[in-house]
Amino acid sequence: MIPFGAGNRKCPGDDFTMTEAVLMLATVASRWRLLPVATTNLDTRIGITLRPKKLLMRTEPRRDGPP
């Protein structure tokens, strides 16, 4: 699976989207810590992609991050 296509049909916003996603993740990760909830099931679910069966996360503000 190639989400943004390839070759002549490549999405023109591909580079912008990837840059924006990295910046968004860096901003969120600098301010919040994601911790798994006790009922999280990390067994692998098999489909087009591999992912956890039940991934529940809670947020906690970082005390060492930016104000």
N, C-alpha and C. Protein backbone atom coordinates (compact mmCIF):
# COMPACT_ATOMS: atom_id res chain seq x y z
N MET A 1 0.84 -1.19 0.00
CA MET A 1 0.00 0.00 0.00
C MET A 1 0.88 1.24 0.00
N ILE A 2 0.64 2.13 -0.92
CA ILE A 2 1.36 3.39 -1.00
C ILE A 2 0.31 4.50 -0.86
N PRO A 3 0.15 5.08 0.35
CA PRO A 3 -0.95 6.01 0.57
C PRO A 3 -0.95 7.26 -0.29
N PHE A 4 0.20 7.76 -0.72
CA PHE A 4 0.23 8.96 -1.54
C PHE A 4 0.54 8.67 -3.00
N GLY A 5 0.47 7.42 -3.39
CA GLY A 5 0.73 7.05 -4.76
C GLY A 5 2.20 7.13 -5.11
N ALA A 6 2.51 6.92 -6.35
CA ALA A 6 3.90 6.96 -6.82
C ALA A 6 3.90 7.29 -8.31
N GLY A 7 5.04 7.69 -8.80
CA GLY A 7 5.17 7.96 -10.23
C GLY A 7 4.36 9.16 -10.67
N ASN A 8 3.72 9.05 -11.84
CA ASN A 8 2.97 10.16 -12.42
C ASN A 8 1.76 10.57 -11.59
N ARG A 9 1.26 9.68 -10.76
CA ARG A 9 0.05 9.96 -9.99
C ARG A 9 0.35 10.29 -8.52
N LYS A 10 1.56 10.68 -8.25
CA LYS A 10 1.96 11.01 -6.87
C LYS A 10 1.24 12.26 -6.40
N CYS A 11 0.79 12.23 -5.16
CA CYS A 11 0.07 13.37 -4.58
C CYS A 11 0.99 14.59 -4.48
N PRO A 12 0.56 15.75 -4.97
CA PRO A 12 1.41 16.94 -4.91
C PRO A 12 1.61 17.45 -3.48
N GLY A 13 0.74 17.06 -2.56
CA GLY A 13 0.86 17.51 -1.17
C GLY A 13 1.62 16.53 -0.29
N ASP A 14 2.23 15.51 -0.87
CA ASP A 14 2.92 14.47 -0.11
C ASP A 14 4.00 15.04 0.81
N ASP A 15 4.90 15.84 0.29
CA ASP A 15 5.99 16.39 1.11
C ASP A 15 5.46 17.31 2.20
N PHE A 16 4.48 18.15 1.86
CA PHE A 16 3.90 19.05 2.84
C PHE A 16 3.22 18.26 3.96
N THR A 17 2.45 17.24 3.61
CA THR A 17 1.74 16.44 4.59
C THR A 17 2.69 15.74 5.55
N MET A 18 3.75 15.15 5.03
CA MET A 18 4.72 14.46 5.88
C MET A 18 5.43 15.44 6.81
N THR A 19 5.77 16.62 6.32
CA THR A 19 6.41 17.64 7.16
C THR A 19 5.46 18.10 8.25
N GLU A 20 4.21 18.35 7.89
CA GLU A 20 3.22 18.79 8.85
C GLU A 20 2.98 17.73 9.93
N ALA A 21 2.93 16.46 9.55
CA ALA A 21 2.72 15.38 10.52
C ALA A 21 3.88 15.29 11.51
N VAL A 22 5.11 15.44 11.04
CA VAL A 22 6.27 15.40 11.93
C VAL A 22 6.24 16.58 12.90
N LEU A 23 5.93 17.77 12.41
CA LEU A 23 5.87 18.95 13.28
C LEU A 23 4.75 18.82 14.32
N MET A 24 3.61 18.30 13.93
CA MET A 24 2.51 18.11 14.86
C MET A 24 2.87 17.09 15.95
N LEU A 25 3.47 15.98 15.54
CA LEU A 25 3.88 14.96 16.51
C LEU A 25 4.92 15.50 17.48
N ALA A 26 5.88 16.27 16.98
CA ALA A 26 6.91 16.85 17.85
C ALA A 26 6.31 17.83 18.84
N THR A 27 5.33 18.61 18.41
CA THR A 27 4.67 19.58 19.30
C THR A 27 3.89 18.86 20.39
N VAL A 28 3.10 17.87 20.02
CA VAL A 28 2.30 17.12 21.01
C VAL A 28 3.22 16.37 21.98
N ALA A 29 4.24 15.71 21.46
CA ALA A 29 5.14 14.92 22.30
C ALA A 29 5.97 15.78 23.25
N SER A 30 6.20 17.04 22.89
CA SER A 30 6.98 17.91 23.77
C SER A 30 6.15 18.40 24.96
N ARG A 31 4.83 18.35 24.85
CA ARG A 31 3.96 18.86 25.91
C ARG A 31 3.23 17.78 26.70
N TRP A 32 3.05 16.62 26.10
CA TRP A 32 2.26 15.55 26.71
C TRP A 32 3.01 14.23 26.69
N ARG A 33 2.78 13.43 27.69
CA ARG A 33 3.32 12.07 27.76
C ARG A 33 2.13 11.13 27.58
N LEU A 34 2.21 10.18 26.66
CA LEU A 34 1.15 9.21 26.43
C LEU A 34 1.48 7.93 27.18
N LEU A 35 0.56 7.50 28.03
CA LEU A 35 0.76 6.31 28.84
C LEU A 35 -0.38 5.32 28.58
N PRO A 36 -0.08 4.03 28.47
CA PRO A 36 -1.15 3.05 28.22
C PRO A 36 -2.05 2.88 29.45
N VAL A 37 -3.33 2.71 29.20
CA VAL A 37 -4.31 2.43 30.25
C VAL A 37 -4.15 0.97 30.65
N ALA A 38 -4.49 0.65 31.90
CA ALA A 38 -4.29 -0.71 32.42
C ALA A 38 -5.00 -1.79 31.60
N THR A 39 -6.12 -1.45 30.97
CA THR A 39 -6.89 -2.45 30.20
C THR A 39 -6.42 -2.59 28.75
N THR A 40 -5.32 -1.98 28.41
CA THR A 40 -4.81 -2.03 27.04
C THR A 40 -4.37 -3.46 26.69
N ASN A 41 -4.78 -3.91 25.51
CA ASN A 41 -4.40 -5.23 25.01
C ASN A 41 -3.42 -5.03 23.86
N LEU A 42 -2.16 -5.33 24.09
CA LEU A 42 -1.13 -5.09 23.07
C LEU A 42 -0.90 -6.30 22.16
N ASP A 43 -1.75 -7.34 22.25
CA ASP A 43 -1.63 -8.46 21.32
C ASP A 43 -1.81 -7.93 19.90
N THR A 44 -1.13 -8.53 18.96
CA THR A 44 -1.14 -8.04 17.58
C THR A 44 -2.42 -8.41 16.86
N ARG A 45 -3.01 -7.43 16.20
CA ARG A 45 -4.17 -7.63 15.32
C ARG A 45 -3.64 -7.63 13.90
N ILE A 46 -3.93 -8.69 13.17
CA ILE A 46 -3.40 -8.82 11.81
C ILE A 46 -4.46 -8.36 10.81
N GLY A 47 -4.05 -7.49 9.92
CA GLY A 47 -4.91 -6.99 8.85
C GLY A 47 -4.00 -6.52 7.73
N ILE A 48 -4.35 -5.41 7.09
CA ILE A 48 -3.47 -4.83 6.08
C ILE A 48 -2.17 -4.40 6.75
N THR A 49 -2.31 -3.89 7.98
CA THR A 49 -1.15 -3.52 8.79
C THR A 49 -1.23 -4.25 10.12
N LEU A 50 -0.10 -4.37 10.81
CA LEU A 50 -0.11 -4.96 12.15
C LEU A 50 -0.32 -3.84 13.16
N ARG A 51 -1.22 -4.07 14.11
CA ARG A 51 -1.48 -3.07 15.13
C ARG A 51 -2.00 -3.76 16.39
N PRO A 52 -1.97 -3.06 17.52
CA PRO A 52 -2.49 -3.65 18.75
C PRO A 52 -4.01 -3.87 18.65
N LYS A 53 -4.50 -4.90 19.35
CA LYS A 53 -5.94 -5.17 19.33
C LYS A 53 -6.73 -4.06 20.00
N LYS A 54 -6.28 -3.59 21.15
CA LYS A 54 -7.00 -2.55 21.87
C LYS A 54 -5.98 -1.63 22.53
N LEU A 55 -5.71 -0.51 21.92
CA LEU A 55 -4.71 0.42 22.42
C LEU A 55 -5.41 1.65 22.99
N LEU A 56 -5.47 1.73 24.30
CA LEU A 56 -6.05 2.88 24.98
C LEU A 56 -4.93 3.63 25.67
N MET A 57 -4.90 4.95 25.45
CA MET A 57 -3.84 5.77 26.02
C MET A 57 -4.45 6.90 26.83
N ARG A 58 -3.72 7.34 27.84
CA ARG A 58 -4.12 8.52 28.60
C ARG A 58 -3.00 9.53 28.49
N THR A 59 -3.35 10.79 28.61
CA THR A 59 -2.34 11.85 28.51
C THR A 59 -1.99 12.36 29.89
N GLU A 60 -0.75 12.78 30.01
CA GLU A 60 -0.25 13.37 31.24
C GLU A 60 0.66 14.51 30.82
N PRO A 61 0.45 15.72 31.38
CA PRO A 61 1.32 16.83 30.98
C PRO A 61 2.77 16.57 31.40
N ARG A 62 3.68 16.95 30.54
CA ARG A 62 5.10 16.83 30.89
C ARG A 62 5.48 17.97 31.79
N ARG A 63 6.17 17.66 32.86
CA ARG A 63 6.62 18.71 33.77
C ARG A 63 7.94 19.32 33.30
N ASP A 64 8.67 18.57 32.49
CA ASP A 64 9.96 19.04 32.02
C ASP A 64 9.87 19.70 30.64
N GLY A 65 8.66 19.82 30.08
CA GLY A 65 8.50 20.38 28.74
C GLY A 65 8.40 21.90 28.76
N PRO A 66 8.13 22.48 27.60
CA PRO A 66 8.01 23.93 27.50
C PRO A 66 6.80 24.43 28.28
N PRO A 67 6.79 25.67 28.73
CA PRO A 67 5.66 26.20 29.52
C PRO A 67 4.40 26.35 28.70
